[in-house]
Amino acid sequence: MKYLQFEQLKNNLNIGKPVEQWIGHAIEKDYVVLKWIRIEKENDEFYGVVYTECFDEGDGDFLDIYEFSTIDPDESFGIINTFSTVDKAIEFALNEYGASINKFVNSGMIQDEYLLYLKNR
């Protein structure tokens, strides 16, 4: 897995390339919850941190975590918090969701993180 270095992370966000991170999972009585975040530049002034919890509906042949049903249908796009700087957005992701500064991946790579989870569960 190619994780972004800190400068790559900031540079990607500053030029409008979203980044993502696998946060983990939780085993409930009848289902598994997958947790992940996305940070993206919303426009020239704001950065959004999107936290998503979805059902584990995939397998080795279906890895498209973007298509999984969200736990709360009222938050089908995730919980979004907006910040005026990239540093504030990153800091929020680290503090609020327990993200690791060394585990961000480029957008689209979250499916590889999901596959890694499937192999290790």
PDB file of N, CA and C in Angstrom:
ATOM      1  N   MET A   1       0.852  -1.180   0.000  1.00  0.00           N
ATOM      2  CA  MET A   1       0.000   0.000   0.000  1.00  0.00           C
ATOM      3  C   MET A   1       0.891   1.235   0.000  1.00  0.00           C
ATOM      4  N   LYS A   2       0.579   2.167  -0.851  1.00  0.00           N
ATOM      5  CA  LYS A   2       1.348   3.407  -0.919  1.00  0.00           C
ATOM      6  C   LYS A   2       0.635   4.490  -0.122  1.00  0.00           C
ATOM      7  N   TYR A   3       1.158   4.752   1.053  1.00  0.00           N
ATOM      8  CA  TYR A   3       0.611   5.817   1.885  1.00  0.00           C
ATOM      9  C   TYR A   3       1.317   7.121   1.540  1.00  0.00           C
ATOM     10  N   LEU A   4       0.578   8.203   1.653  1.00  0.00           N
ATOM     11  CA  LEU A   4       1.112   9.515   1.316  1.00  0.00           C
ATOM     12  C   LEU A   4       1.977  10.060   2.445  1.00  0.00           C
ATOM     13  N   GLN A   5       3.096  10.654   2.067  1.00  0.00           N
ATOM     14  CA  GLN A   5       3.898  11.374   3.041  1.00  0.00           C
ATOM     15  C   GLN A   5       3.191  12.705   3.320  1.00  0.00           C
ATOM     16  N   PHE A   6       3.529  13.334   4.425  1.00  0.00           N
ATOM     17  CA  PHE A   6       2.824  14.538   4.855  1.00  0.00           C
ATOM     18  C   PHE A   6       2.777  15.613   3.772  1.00  0.00           C
ATOM     19  N   GLU A   7       3.898  15.872   3.130  1.00  0.00           N
ATOM     20  CA  GLU A   7       3.923  16.913   2.090  1.00  0.00           C
ATOM     21  C   GLU A   7       3.070  16.507   0.890  1.00  0.00           C
ATOM     22  N   GLN A   8       3.073  15.223   0.533  1.00  0.00           N
ATOM     23  CA  GLN A   8       2.219  14.751  -0.554  1.00  0.00           C
ATOM     24  C   GLN A   8       0.749  14.930  -0.200  1.00  0.00           C
ATOM     25  N   LEU A   9       0.416  14.624   1.037  1.00  0.00           N
ATOM     26  CA  LEU A   9      -0.948  14.772   1.525  1.00  0.00           C
ATOM     27  C   LEU A   9      -1.416  16.220   1.349  1.00  0.00           C
ATOM     28  N   LYS A  10      -0.637  17.153   1.856  1.00  0.00           N
ATOM     29  CA  LYS A  10      -0.998  18.568   1.771  1.00  0.00           C
ATOM     30  C   LYS A  10      -1.031  19.055   0.321  1.00  0.00           C
ATOM     31  N   ASN A  11      -0.042  18.658  -0.461  1.00  0.00           N
ATOM     32  CA  ASN A  11       0.002  19.078  -1.860  1.00  0.00           C
ATOM     33  C   ASN A  11      -1.216  18.571  -2.627  1.00  0.00           C
ATOM     34  N   ASN A  12      -1.560  17.294  -2.431  1.00  0.00           N
ATOM     35  CA  ASN A  12      -2.731  16.739  -3.117  1.00  0.00           C
ATOM     36  C   ASN A  12      -3.981  17.535  -2.775  1.00  0.00           C
ATOM     37  N   LEU A  13      -4.180  17.800  -1.496  1.00  0.00           N
ATOM     38  CA  LEU A  13      -5.367  18.539  -1.080  1.00  0.00           C
ATOM     39  C   LEU A  13      -5.368  19.961  -1.635  1.00  0.00           C
ATOM     40  N   ASN A  14      -4.226  20.601  -1.625  1.00  0.00           N
ATOM     41  CA  ASN A  14      -4.145  21.981  -2.112  1.00  0.00           C
ATOM     42  C   ASN A  14      -4.435  22.107  -3.604  1.00  0.00           C
ATOM     43  N   ILE A  15      -4.138  21.064  -4.370  1.00  0.00           N
ATOM     44  CA  ILE A  15      -4.424  21.120  -5.815  1.00  0.00           C
ATOM     45  C   ILE A  15      -5.768  20.472  -6.157  1.00  0.00           C
ATOM     46  N   GLY A  16      -6.536  20.094  -5.126  1.00  0.00           N
ATOM     47  CA  GLY A  16      -7.886  19.585  -5.355  1.00  0.00           C
ATOM     48  C   GLY A  16      -8.023  18.088  -5.481  1.00  0.00           C
ATOM     49  N   LYS A  17      -6.979  17.338  -5.130  1.00  0.00           N
ATOM     50  CA  LYS A  17      -7.059  15.871  -5.168  1.00  0.00           C
ATOM     51  C   LYS A  17      -7.461  15.355  -3.790  1.00  0.00           C
ATOM     52  N   PRO A  18      -8.619  14.695  -3.683  1.00  0.00           N
ATOM     53  CA  PRO A  18      -9.049  14.169  -2.383  1.00  0.00           C
ATOM     54  C   PRO A  18      -8.138  13.046  -1.886  1.00  0.00           C
ATOM     55  N   VAL A  19      -8.128  12.876  -0.581  1.00  0.00           N
ATOM     56  CA  VAL A  19      -7.404  11.781   0.059  1.00  0.00           C
ATOM     57  C   VAL A  19      -8.377  11.052   0.979  1.00  0.00           C
ATOM     58  N   GLU A  20      -8.044   9.798   1.291  1.00  0.00           N
ATOM     59  CA  GLU A  20      -8.929   8.984   2.112  1.00  0.00           C
ATOM     60  C   GLU A  20      -8.120   8.185   3.117  1.00  0.00           C
ATOM     61  N   GLN A  21      -8.831   7.687   4.128  1.00  0.00           N
ATOM     62  CA  GLN A  21      -8.177   6.831   5.107  1.00  0.00           C
ATOM     63  C   GLN A  21      -9.186   5.860   5.703  1.00  0.00           C
ATOM     64  N   TRP A  22      -8.756   4.622   5.805  1.00  0.00           N
ATOM     65  CA  TRP A  22      -9.518   3.577   6.479  1.00  0.00           C
ATOM     66  C   TRP A  22      -9.390   3.820   7.972  1.00  0.00           C
ATOM     67  N   ILE A  23     -10.508   3.945   8.668  1.00  0.00           N
ATOM     68  CA  ILE A  23     -10.489   4.190  10.103  1.00  0.00           C
ATOM     69  C   ILE A  23     -10.647   2.890  10.887  1.00  0.00           C
ATOM     70  N   GLY A  24     -11.400   1.950  10.342  1.00  0.00           N
ATOM     71  CA  GLY A  24     -11.564   0.665  11.017  1.00  0.00           C
ATOM     72  C   GLY A  24     -12.952   0.106  10.825  1.00  0.00           C
ATOM     73  N   HIS A  25     -13.298  -0.795  11.716  1.00  0.00           N
ATOM     74  CA  HIS A  25     -14.607  -1.430  11.647  1.00  0.00           C
ATOM     75  C   HIS A  25     -15.110  -1.699  13.063  1.00  0.00           C
ATOM     76  N   ALA A  26     -16.392  -1.959  13.160  1.00  0.00           N
ATOM     77  CA  ALA A  26     -17.003  -2.327  14.434  1.00  0.00           C
ATOM     78  C   ALA A  26     -17.951  -3.485  14.177  1.00  0.00           C
ATOM     79  N   ILE A  27     -17.885  -4.470  15.029  1.00  0.00           N
ATOM     80  CA  ILE A  27     -18.760  -5.628  14.900  1.00  0.00           C
ATOM     81  C   ILE A  27     -19.971  -5.418  15.801  1.00  0.00           C
ATOM     82  N   GLU A  28     -21.111  -5.331  15.184  1.00  0.00           N
ATOM     83  CA  GLU A  28     -22.376  -5.192  15.905  1.00  0.00           C
ATOM     84  C   GLU A  28     -23.021  -6.571  15.992  1.00  0.00           C
ATOM     85  N   LYS A  29     -24.178  -6.643  16.606  1.00  0.00           N
ATOM     86  CA  LYS A  29     -24.844  -7.935  16.803  1.00  0.00           C
ATOM     87  C   LYS A  29     -25.092  -8.671  15.486  1.00  0.00           C
ATOM     88  N   ASP A  30     -25.646  -7.962  14.500  1.00  0.00           N
ATOM     89  CA  ASP A  30     -26.047  -8.612  13.251  1.00  0.00           C
ATOM     90  C   ASP A  30     -25.311  -8.126  12.008  1.00  0.00           C
ATOM     91  N   TYR A  31     -24.337  -7.239  12.172  1.00  0.00           N
ATOM     92  CA  TYR A  31     -23.677  -6.673  11.004  1.00  0.00           C
ATOM     93  C   TYR A  31     -22.326  -6.077  11.406  1.00  0.00           C
ATOM     94  N   VAL A  32     -21.556  -5.725  10.382  1.00  0.00           N
ATOM     95  CA  VAL A  32     -20.256  -5.088  10.581  1.00  0.00           C
ATOM     96  C   VAL A  32     -20.322  -3.681   9.996  1.00  0.00           C
ATOM     97  N   VAL A  33     -19.803  -2.715  10.744  1.00  0.00           N
ATOM     98  CA  VAL A  33     -19.754  -1.321  10.309  1.00  0.00           C
ATOM     99  C   VAL A  33     -18.328  -1.008   9.855  1.00  0.00           C
ATOM    100  N   LEU A  34     -18.209  -0.468   8.657  1.00  0.00           N
ATOM    101  CA  LEU A  34     -16.923  -0.010   8.142  1.00  0.00           C
ATOM    102  C   LEU A  34     -16.848   1.499   8.322  1.00  0.00           C
ATOM    103  N   LYS A  35     -15.661   1.998   8.702  1.00  0.00           N
ATOM    104  CA  LYS A  35     -15.489   3.425   8.969  1.00  0.00           C
ATOM    105  C   LYS A  35     -14.311   3.961   8.154  1.00  0.00           C
ATOM    106  N   TRP A  36     -14.538   5.064   7.476  1.00  0.00           N
ATOM    107  CA  TRP A  36     -13.471   5.689   6.700  1.00  0.00           C
ATOM    108  C   TRP A  36     -13.748   7.174   6.533  1.00  0.00           C
ATOM    109  N   ILE A  37     -12.681   7.903   6.223  1.00  0.00           N
ATOM    110  CA  ILE A  37     -12.814   9.346   6.021  1.00  0.00           C
ATOM    111  C   ILE A  37     -12.245   9.748   4.663  1.00  0.00           C
ATOM    112  N   ARG A  38     -12.684  10.906   4.250  1.00  0.00           N
ATOM    113  CA  ARG A  38     -12.214  11.524   3.007  1.00  0.00           C
ATOM    114  C   ARG A  38     -12.011  13.003   3.312  1.00  0.00           C
ATOM    115  N   ILE A  39     -10.911  13.537   2.852  1.00  0.00           N
ATOM    116  CA  ILE A  39     -10.684  14.982   2.944  1.00  0.00           C
ATOM    117  C   ILE A  39     -10.591  15.492   1.514  1.00  0.00           C
ATOM    118  N   GLU A  40     -11.325  16.573   1.247  1.00  0.00           N
ATOM    119  CA  GLU A  40     -11.334  17.106  -0.109  1.00  0.00           C
ATOM    120  C   GLU A  40     -11.434  18.622  -0.092  1.00  0.00           C
ATOM    121  N   LYS A  41     -10.907  19.205  -1.120  1.00  0.00           N
ATOM    122  CA  LYS A  41     -11.010  20.657  -1.279  1.00  0.00           C
ATOM    123  C   LYS A  41     -12.375  20.936  -1.879  1.00  0.00           C
ATOM    124  N   GLU A  42     -13.183  21.704  -1.149  1.00  0.00           N
ATOM    125  CA  GLU A  42     -14.546  21.968  -1.608  1.00  0.00           C
ATOM    126  C   GLU A  42     -14.585  23.103  -2.620  1.00  0.00           C
ATOM    127  N   ASN A  43     -13.748  24.087  -2.431  1.00  0.00           N
ATOM    128  CA  ASN A  43     -13.592  25.206  -3.365  1.00  0.00           C
ATOM    129  C   ASN A  43     -12.298  25.907  -2.983  1.00  0.00           C
ATOM    130  N   ASP A  44     -12.079  27.096  -3.466  1.00  0.00           N
ATOM    131  CA  ASP A  44     -10.823  27.778  -3.170  1.00  0.00           C
ATOM    132  C   ASP A  44     -10.671  28.188  -1.713  1.00  0.00           C
ATOM    133  N   GLU A  45     -11.757  28.129  -0.940  1.00  0.00           N
ATOM    134  CA  GLU A  45     -11.697  28.622   0.431  1.00  0.00           C
ATOM    135  C   GLU A  45     -11.874  27.553   1.507  1.00  0.00           C
ATOM    136  N   PHE A  46     -12.408  26.371   1.171  1.00  0.00           N
ATOM    137  CA  PHE A  46     -12.762  25.407   2.206  1.00  0.00           C
ATOM    138  C   PHE A  46     -12.316  23.990   1.890  1.00  0.00           C
ATOM    139  N   TYR A  47     -12.082  23.243   2.966  1.00  0.00           N
ATOM    140  CA  TYR A  47     -11.737  21.825   2.892  1.00  0.00           C
ATOM    141  C   TYR A  47     -12.758  21.056   3.722  1.00  0.00           C
ATOM    142  N   GLY A  48     -13.252  19.971   3.173  1.00  0.00           N
ATOM    143  CA  GLY A  48     -14.237  19.173   3.883  1.00  0.00           C
ATOM    144  C   GLY A  48     -13.643  17.869   4.376  1.00  0.00           C
ATOM    145  N   VAL A  49     -14.018  17.486   5.592  1.00  0.00           N
ATOM    146  CA  VAL A  49     -13.680  16.185   6.139  1.00  0.00           C
ATOM    147  C   VAL A  49     -14.991  15.402   6.179  1.00  0.00           C
ATOM    148  N   VAL A  50     -15.033  14.301   5.447  1.00  0.00           N
ATOM    149  CA  VAL A  50     -16.241  13.492   5.333  1.00  0.00           C
ATOM    150  C   VAL A  50     -15.996  12.166   6.050  1.00  0.00           C
ATOM    151  N   TYR A  51     -16.810  11.890   7.071  1.00  0.00           N
ATOM    152  CA  TYR A  51     -16.725  10.650   7.833  1.00  0.00           C
ATOM    153  C   TYR A  51     -17.896   9.764   7.418  1.00  0.00           C
ATOM    154  N   THR A  52     -17.584   8.533   7.029  1.00  0.00           N
ATOM    155  CA  THR A  52     -18.608   7.611   6.564  1.00  0.00           C
ATOM    156  C   THR A  52     -18.587   6.330   7.371  1.00  0.00           C
ATOM    157  N   GLU A  53     -19.767   5.892   7.758  1.00  0.00           N
ATOM    158  CA  GLU A  53     -19.968   4.570   8.339  1.00  0.00           C
ATOM    159  C   GLU A  53     -20.934   3.837   7.418  1.00  0.00           C
ATOM    160  N   CYS A  54     -20.524   2.653   6.961  1.00  0.00           N
ATOM    161  CA  CYS A  54     -21.369   1.888   6.051  1.00  0.00           C
ATOM    162  C   CYS A  54     -21.374   0.419   6.455  1.00  0.00           C
ATOM    163  N   PHE A  55     -22.359  -0.298   5.924  1.00  0.00           N
ATOM    164  CA  PHE A  55     -22.436  -1.735   6.156  1.00  0.00           C
ATOM    165  C   PHE A  55     -21.366  -2.439   5.332  1.00  0.00           C
ATOM    166  N   ASP A  56     -20.829  -3.516   5.860  1.00  0.00           N
ATOM    167  CA  ASP A  56     -19.867  -4.332   5.117  1.00  0.00           C
ATOM    168  C   ASP A  56     -20.659  -5.230   4.178  1.00  0.00           C
ATOM    169  N   GLU A  57     -20.833  -4.762   2.943  1.00  0.00           N
ATOM    170  CA  GLU A  57     -21.618  -5.487   1.953  1.00  0.00           C
ATOM    171  C   GLU A  57     -20.752  -6.096   0.854  1.00  0.00           C
ATOM    172  N   GLY A  58     -19.462  -6.065   1.037  1.00  0.00           N
ATOM    173  CA  GLY A  58     -18.577  -6.516  -0.022  1.00  0.00           C
ATOM    174  C   GLY A  58     -17.936  -7.851   0.256  1.00  0.00           C
ATOM    175  N   ASP A  59     -17.075  -8.219  -0.677  1.00  0.00           N
ATOM    176  CA  ASP A  59     -16.248  -9.419  -0.561  1.00  0.00           C
ATOM    177  C   ASP A  59     -15.084  -9.256  -1.530  1.00  0.00           C
ATOM    178  N   GLY A  60     -14.294 -10.287  -1.691  1.00  0.00           N
ATOM    179  CA  GLY A  60     -13.118 -10.205  -2.552  1.00  0.00           C
ATOM    180  C   GLY A  60     -13.423  -9.848  -3.992  1.00  0.00           C
ATOM    181  N   ASP A  61     -14.663 -10.094  -4.425  1.00  0.00           N
ATOM    182  CA  ASP A  61     -15.063  -9.774  -5.795  1.00  0.00           C
ATOM    183  C   ASP A  61     -15.802  -8.443  -5.912  1.00  0.00           C
ATOM    184  N   PHE A  62     -16.254  -7.909  -4.787  1.00  0.00           N
ATOM    185  CA  PHE A  62     -16.966  -6.629  -4.793  1.00  0.00           C
ATOM    186  C   PHE A  62     -16.355  -5.737  -3.725  1.00  0.00           C
ATOM    187  N   LEU A  63     -15.487  -4.826  -4.155  1.00  0.00           N
ATOM    188  CA  LEU A  63     -14.716  -3.986  -3.242  1.00  0.00           C
ATOM    189  C   LEU A  63     -15.149  -2.522  -3.257  1.00  0.00           C
ATOM    190  N   ASP A  64     -16.186  -2.194  -4.011  1.00  0.00           N
ATOM    191  CA  ASP A  64     -16.554  -0.793  -4.199  1.00  0.00           C
ATOM    192  C   ASP A  64     -17.256  -0.226  -2.970  1.00  0.00           C
ATOM    193  N   ILE A  65     -16.460   0.141  -1.979  1.00  0.00           N
ATOM    194  CA  ILE A  65     -16.968   0.640  -0.702  1.00  0.00           C
ATOM    195  C   ILE A  65     -17.843   1.884  -0.885  1.00  0.00           C
ATOM    196  N   TYR A  66     -17.649   2.601  -1.992  1.00  0.00           N
ATOM    197  CA  TYR A  66     -18.474   3.773  -2.270  1.00  0.00           C
ATOM    198  C   TYR A  66     -19.944   3.392  -2.495  1.00  0.00           C
ATOM    199  N   GLU A  67     -20.178   2.156  -2.895  1.00  0.00           N
ATOM    200  CA  GLU A  67     -21.533   1.686  -3.192  1.00  0.00           C
ATOM    201  C   GLU A  67     -22.224   1.054  -1.992  1.00  0.00           C
ATOM    202  N   PHE A  68     -21.522   0.831  -0.904  1.00  0.00           N
ATOM    203  CA  PHE A  68     -22.121   0.192   0.270  1.00  0.00           C
ATOM    204  C   PHE A  68     -23.138   1.130   0.910  1.00  0.00           C
ATOM    205  N   SER A  69     -24.167   0.556   1.496  1.00  0.00           N
ATOM    206  CA  SER A  69     -25.210   1.340   2.163  1.00  0.00           C
ATOM    207  C   SER A  69     -24.666   1.966   3.439  1.00  0.00           C
ATOM    208  N   THR A  70     -25.001   3.239   3.642  1.00  0.00           N
ATOM    209  CA  THR A  70     -24.563   3.912   4.867  1.00  0.00           C
ATOM    210  C   THR A  70     -25.438   3.469   6.039  1.00  0.00           C
ATOM    211  N   ILE A  71     -24.869   3.505   7.217  1.00  0.00           N
ATOM    212  CA  ILE A  71     -25.587   3.109   8.429  1.00  0.00           C
ATOM    213  C   ILE A  71     -26.793   4.006   8.646  1.00  0.00           C
ATOM    214  N   ASP A  72     -26.598   5.304   8.492  1.00  0.00           N
ATOM    215  CA  ASP A  72     -27.682   6.263   8.663  1.00  0.00           C
ATOM    216  C   ASP A  72     -28.086   6.778   7.282  1.00  0.00           C
ATOM    217  N   PRO A  73     -29.273   6.388   6.798  1.00  0.00           N
ATOM    218  CA  PRO A  73     -29.679   6.834   5.461  1.00  0.00           C
ATOM    219  C   PRO A  73     -29.789   8.356   5.330  1.00  0.00           C
ATOM    220  N   ASP A  74     -29.952   9.052   6.455  1.00  0.00           N
ATOM    221  CA  ASP A  74     -29.997  10.519   6.405  1.00  0.00           C
ATOM    222  C   ASP A  74     -28.617  11.128   6.179  1.00  0.00           C
ATOM    223  N   GLU A  75     -27.586  10.319   6.309  1.00  0.00           N
ATOM    224  CA  GLU A  75     -26.215  10.786   6.084  1.00  0.00           C
ATOM    225  C   GLU A  75     -25.573   9.964   4.965  1.00  0.00           C
ATOM    226  N   SER A  76     -26.289   9.870   3.847  1.00  0.00           N
ATOM    227  CA  SER A  76     -25.816   9.035   2.744  1.00  0.00           C
ATOM    228  C   SER A  76     -24.515   9.550   2.128  1.00  0.00           C
ATOM    229  N   PHE A  77     -24.193  10.819   2.371  1.00  0.00           N
ATOM    230  CA  PHE A  77     -22.929  11.377   1.891  1.00  0.00           C
ATOM    231  C   PHE A  77     -21.909  11.495   3.013  1.00  0.00           C
ATOM    232  N   GLY A  78     -22.230  10.943   4.188  1.00  0.00           N
ATOM    233  CA  GLY A  78     -21.342  11.007   5.336  1.00  0.00           C
ATOM    234  C   GLY A  78     -21.580  12.253   6.168  1.00  0.00           C
ATOM    235  N   ILE A  79     -20.865  12.329   7.265  1.00  0.00           N
ATOM    236  CA  ILE A  79     -20.901  13.505   8.126  1.00  0.00           C
ATOM    237  C   ILE A  79     -19.812  14.445   7.636  1.00  0.00           C
ATOM    238  N   ILE A  80     -20.193  15.659   7.269  1.00  0.00           N
ATOM    239  CA  ILE A  80     -19.250  16.597   6.651  1.00  0.00           C
ATOM    240  C   ILE A  80     -18.968  17.758   7.591  1.00  0.00           C
ATOM    241  N   ASN A  81     -17.684  17.999   7.828  1.00  0.00           N
ATOM    242  CA  ASN A  81     -17.237  19.175   8.579  1.00  0.00           C
ATOM    243  C   ASN A  81     -16.325  19.971   7.658  1.00  0.00           C
ATOM    244  N   THR A  82     -16.483  21.289   7.669  1.00  0.00           N
ATOM    245  CA  THR A  82     -15.758  22.155   6.745  1.00  0.00           C
ATOM    246  C   THR A  82     -14.792  23.055   7.500  1.00  0.00           C
ATOM    247  N   PHE A  83     -13.607  23.262   6.880  1.00  0.00           N
ATOM    248  CA  PHE A  83     -12.545  24.050   7.511  1.00  0.00           C
ATOM    249  C   PHE A  83     -11.940  25.011   6.504  1.00  0.00           C
ATOM    250  N   SER A  84     -11.383  26.092   7.034  1.00  0.00           N
ATOM    251  CA  SER A  84     -10.837  27.145   6.168  1.00  0.00           C
ATOM    252  C   SER A  84      -9.423  26.856   5.676  1.00  0.00           C
ATOM    253  N   THR A  85      -8.726  25.913   6.320  1.00  0.00           N
ATOM    254  CA  THR A  85      -7.372  25.578   5.867  1.00  0.00           C
ATOM    255  C   THR A  85      -7.190  24.066   5.826  1.00  0.00           C
ATOM    256  N   VAL A  86      -6.248  23.652   5.030  1.00  0.00           N
ATOM    257  CA  VAL A  86      -5.940  22.229   4.927  1.00  0.00           C
ATOM    258  C   VAL A  86      -5.412  21.701   6.267  1.00  0.00           C
ATOM    259  N   ASP A  87      -4.617  22.511   6.962  1.00  0.00           N
ATOM    260  CA  ASP A  87      -4.066  22.084   8.243  1.00  0.00           C
ATOM    261  C   ASP A  87      -5.164  21.841   9.281  1.00  0.00           C
ATOM    262  N   LYS A  88      -6.169  22.706   9.297  1.00  0.00           N
ATOM    263  CA  LYS A  88      -7.282  22.526  10.242  1.00  0.00           C
ATOM    264  C   LYS A  88      -8.080  21.268   9.908  1.00  0.00           C
ATOM    265  N   ALA A  89      -8.261  21.000   8.630  1.00  0.00           N
ATOM    266  CA  ALA A  89      -8.994  19.800   8.215  1.00  0.00           C
ATOM    267  C   ALA A  89      -8.237  18.535   8.629  1.00  0.00           C
ATOM    268  N   ILE A  90      -6.942  18.513   8.394  1.00  0.00           N
ATOM    269  CA  ILE A  90      -6.128  17.355   8.776  1.00  0.00           C
ATOM    270  C   ILE A  90      -6.132  17.180  10.283  1.00  0.00           C
ATOM    271  N   GLU A  91      -5.938  18.265  11.006  1.00  0.00           N
ATOM    272  CA  GLU A  91      -5.930  18.206  12.472  1.00  0.00           C
ATOM    273  C   GLU A  91      -7.251  17.657  13.011  1.00  0.00           C
ATOM    274  N   PHE A  92      -8.363  18.097  12.433  1.00  0.00           N
ATOM    275  CA  PHE A  92      -9.670  17.595  12.848  1.00  0.00           C
ATOM    276  C   PHE A  92      -9.779  16.094  12.606  1.00  0.00           C
ATOM    277  N   ALA A  93      -9.352  15.633  11.430  1.00  0.00           N
ATOM    278  CA  ALA A  93      -9.419  14.203  11.115  1.00  0.00           C
ATOM    279  C   ALA A  93      -8.599  13.384  12.104  1.00  0.00           C
ATOM    280  N   LEU A  94      -7.443  13.902  12.483  1.00  0.00           N
ATOM    281  CA  LEU A  94      -6.582  13.194  13.427  1.00  0.00           C
ATOM    282  C   LEU A  94      -7.202  13.160  14.818  1.00  0.00           C
ATOM    283  N   ASN A  95      -7.711  14.286  15.267  1.00  0.00           N
ATOM    284  CA  ASN A  95      -8.236  14.395  16.631  1.00  0.00           C
ATOM    285  C   ASN A  95      -9.637  13.815  16.792  1.00  0.00           C
ATOM    286  N   GLU A  96     -10.503  14.061  15.833  1.00  0.00           N
ATOM    287  CA  GLU A  96     -11.902  13.646  15.963  1.00  0.00           C
ATOM    288  C   GLU A  96     -12.114  12.171  15.616  1.00  0.00           C
ATOM    289  N   TYR A  97     -11.411  11.690  14.599  1.00  0.00           N
ATOM    290  CA  TYR A  97     -11.665  10.336  14.113  1.00  0.00           C
ATOM    291  C   TYR A  97     -10.508   9.377  14.329  1.00  0.00           C
ATOM    292  N   GLY A  98      -9.455   9.855  14.954  1.00  0.00           N
ATOM    293  CA  GLY A  98      -8.326   8.978  15.238  1.00  0.00           C
ATOM    294  C   GLY A  98      -7.534   8.585  14.003  1.00  0.00           C
ATOM    295  N   ALA A  99      -7.609   9.414  12.968  1.00  0.00           N
ATOM    296  CA  ALA A  99      -6.838   9.139  11.755  1.00  0.00           C
ATOM    297  C   ALA A  99      -5.344   9.201  12.078  1.00  0.00           C
ATOM    298  N   SER A 100      -4.569   8.547  11.253  1.00  0.00           N
ATOM    299  CA  SER A 100      -3.121   8.551  11.389  1.00  0.00           C
ATOM    300  C   SER A 100      -2.526   9.394  10.266  1.00  0.00           C
ATOM    301  N   ILE A 101      -1.604  10.267  10.584  1.00  0.00           N
ATOM    302  CA  ILE A 101      -0.995  11.130   9.574  1.00  0.00           C
ATOM    303  C   ILE A 101      -0.255  10.312   8.515  1.00  0.00           C
ATOM    304  N   ASN A 102       0.114   9.083   8.842  1.00  0.00           N
ATOM    305  CA  ASN A 102       0.891   8.240   7.927  1.00  0.00           C
ATOM    306  C   ASN A 102       0.074   7.210   7.165  1.00  0.00           C
ATOM    307  N   LYS A 103      -1.260   7.299   7.210  1.00  0.00           N
ATOM    308  CA  LYS A 103      -2.093   6.265   6.587  1.00  0.00           C
ATOM    309  C   LYS A 103      -3.073   6.793   5.540  1.00  0.00           C
ATOM    310  N   PHE A 104      -2.882   8.016   5.076  1.00  0.00           N
ATOM    311  CA  PHE A 104      -3.751   8.540   4.030  1.00  0.00           C
ATOM    312  C   PHE A 104      -3.341   7.973   2.677  1.00  0.00           C
ATOM    313  N   VAL A 105      -4.342   7.732   1.833  1.00  0.00           N
ATOM    314  CA  VAL A 105      -4.114   7.246   0.474  1.00  0.00           C
ATOM    315  C   VAL A 105      -4.830   8.173  -0.500  1.00  0.00           C
ATOM    316  N   ASN A 106      -4.455   8.089  -1.753  1.00  0.00           N
ATOM    317  CA  ASN A 106      -5.142   8.860  -2.780  1.00  0.00           C
ATOM    318  C   ASN A 106      -6.578   8.371  -2.921  1.00  0.00           C
ATOM    319  N   SER A 107      -7.432   9.249  -3.409  1.00  0.00           N
ATOM    320  CA  SER A 107      -8.822   8.895  -3.653  1.00  0.00           C
ATOM    321  C   SER A 107      -8.897   7.671  -4.566  1.00  0.00           C
ATOM    322  N   GLY A 108      -9.785   6.754  -4.224  1.00  0.00           N
ATOM    323  CA  GLY A 108      -9.934   5.522  -4.994  1.00  0.00           C
ATOM    324  C   GLY A 108      -9.166   4.360  -4.420  1.00  0.00           C
ATOM    325  N   MET A 109      -8.176   4.641  -3.601  1.00  0.00           N
ATOM    326  CA  MET A 109      -7.351   3.587  -3.007  1.00  0.00           C
ATOM    327  C   MET A 109      -7.982   2.997  -1.748  1.00  0.00           C
ATOM    328  N   ILE A 110      -9.095   3.572  -1.283  1.00  0.00           N
ATOM    329  CA  ILE A 110      -9.749   3.057  -0.083  1.00  0.00           C
ATOM    330  C   ILE A 110     -10.218   1.619  -0.328  1.00  0.00           C
ATOM    331  N   GLN A 111     -10.482   1.287  -1.579  1.00  0.00           N
ATOM    332  CA  GLN A 111     -10.894  -0.081  -1.890  1.00  0.00           C
ATOM    333  C   GLN A 111      -9.747  -1.069  -1.650  1.00  0.00           C
ATOM    334  N   ASP A 112      -8.534  -0.639  -1.871  1.00  0.00           N
ATOM    335  CA  ASP A 112      -7.385  -1.493  -1.560  1.00  0.00           C
ATOM    336  C   ASP A 112      -7.258  -1.681  -0.046  1.00  0.00           C
ATOM    337  N   GLU A 113      -7.579  -0.623   0.689  1.00  0.00           N
ATOM    338  CA  GLU A 113      -7.571  -0.724   2.151  1.00  0.00           C
ATOM    339  C   GLU A 113      -8.665  -1.690   2.616  1.00  0.00           C
ATOM    340  N   TYR A 114      -9.813  -1.647   1.967  1.00  0.00           N
ATOM    341  CA  TYR A 114     -10.906  -2.575   2.295  1.00  0.00           C
ATOM    342  C   TYR A 114     -10.469  -4.013   1.999  1.00  0.00           C
ATOM    343  N   LEU A 115      -9.820  -4.237   0.876  1.00  0.00           N
ATOM    344  CA  LEU A 115      -9.331  -5.568   0.532  1.00  0.00           C
ATOM    345  C   LEU A 115      -8.332  -6.069   1.578  1.00  0.00           C
ATOM    346  N   LEU A 116      -7.463  -5.194   2.034  1.00  0.00           N
ATOM    347  CA  LEU A 116      -6.512  -5.551   3.083  1.00  0.00           C
ATOM    348  C   LEU A 116      -7.254  -5.943   4.366  1.00  0.00           C
ATOM    349  N   TYR A 117      -8.302  -5.211   4.701  1.00  0.00           N
ATOM    350  CA  TYR A 117      -9.139  -5.571   5.852  1.00  0.00           C
ATOM    351  C   TYR A 117      -9.744  -6.958   5.666  1.00  0.00           C
ATOM    352  N   LEU A 118     -10.278  -7.235   4.464  1.00  0.00           N
ATOM    353  CA  LEU A 118     -10.894  -8.541   4.211  1.00  0.00           C
ATOM    354  C   LEU A 118      -9.888  -9.668   4.378  1.00  0.00           C
ATOM    355  N   LYS A 119      -8.672  -9.455   3.928  1.00  0.00           N
ATOM    356  CA  LYS A 119      -7.637 -10.497   4.026  1.00  0.00           C
ATOM    357  C   LYS A 119      -7.209 -10.735   5.466  1.00  0.00           C
ATOM    358  N   ASN A 120      -7.310  -9.719   6.302  1.00  0.00           N
ATOM    359  CA  ASN A 120      -6.817  -9.827   7.680  1.00  0.00           C
ATOM    360  C   ASN A 120      -7.896 -10.119   8.726  1.00  0.00           C
ATOM    361  N   ARG A 121      -9.147 -10.154   8.307  1.00  0.00           N
ATOM    362  CA  ARG A 121     -10.193 -10.349   9.329  1.00  0.00           C
ATOM    363  C   ARG A 121     -10.319 -11.767   9.777  1.00  0.00           C
TER     364      ARG A 121
END
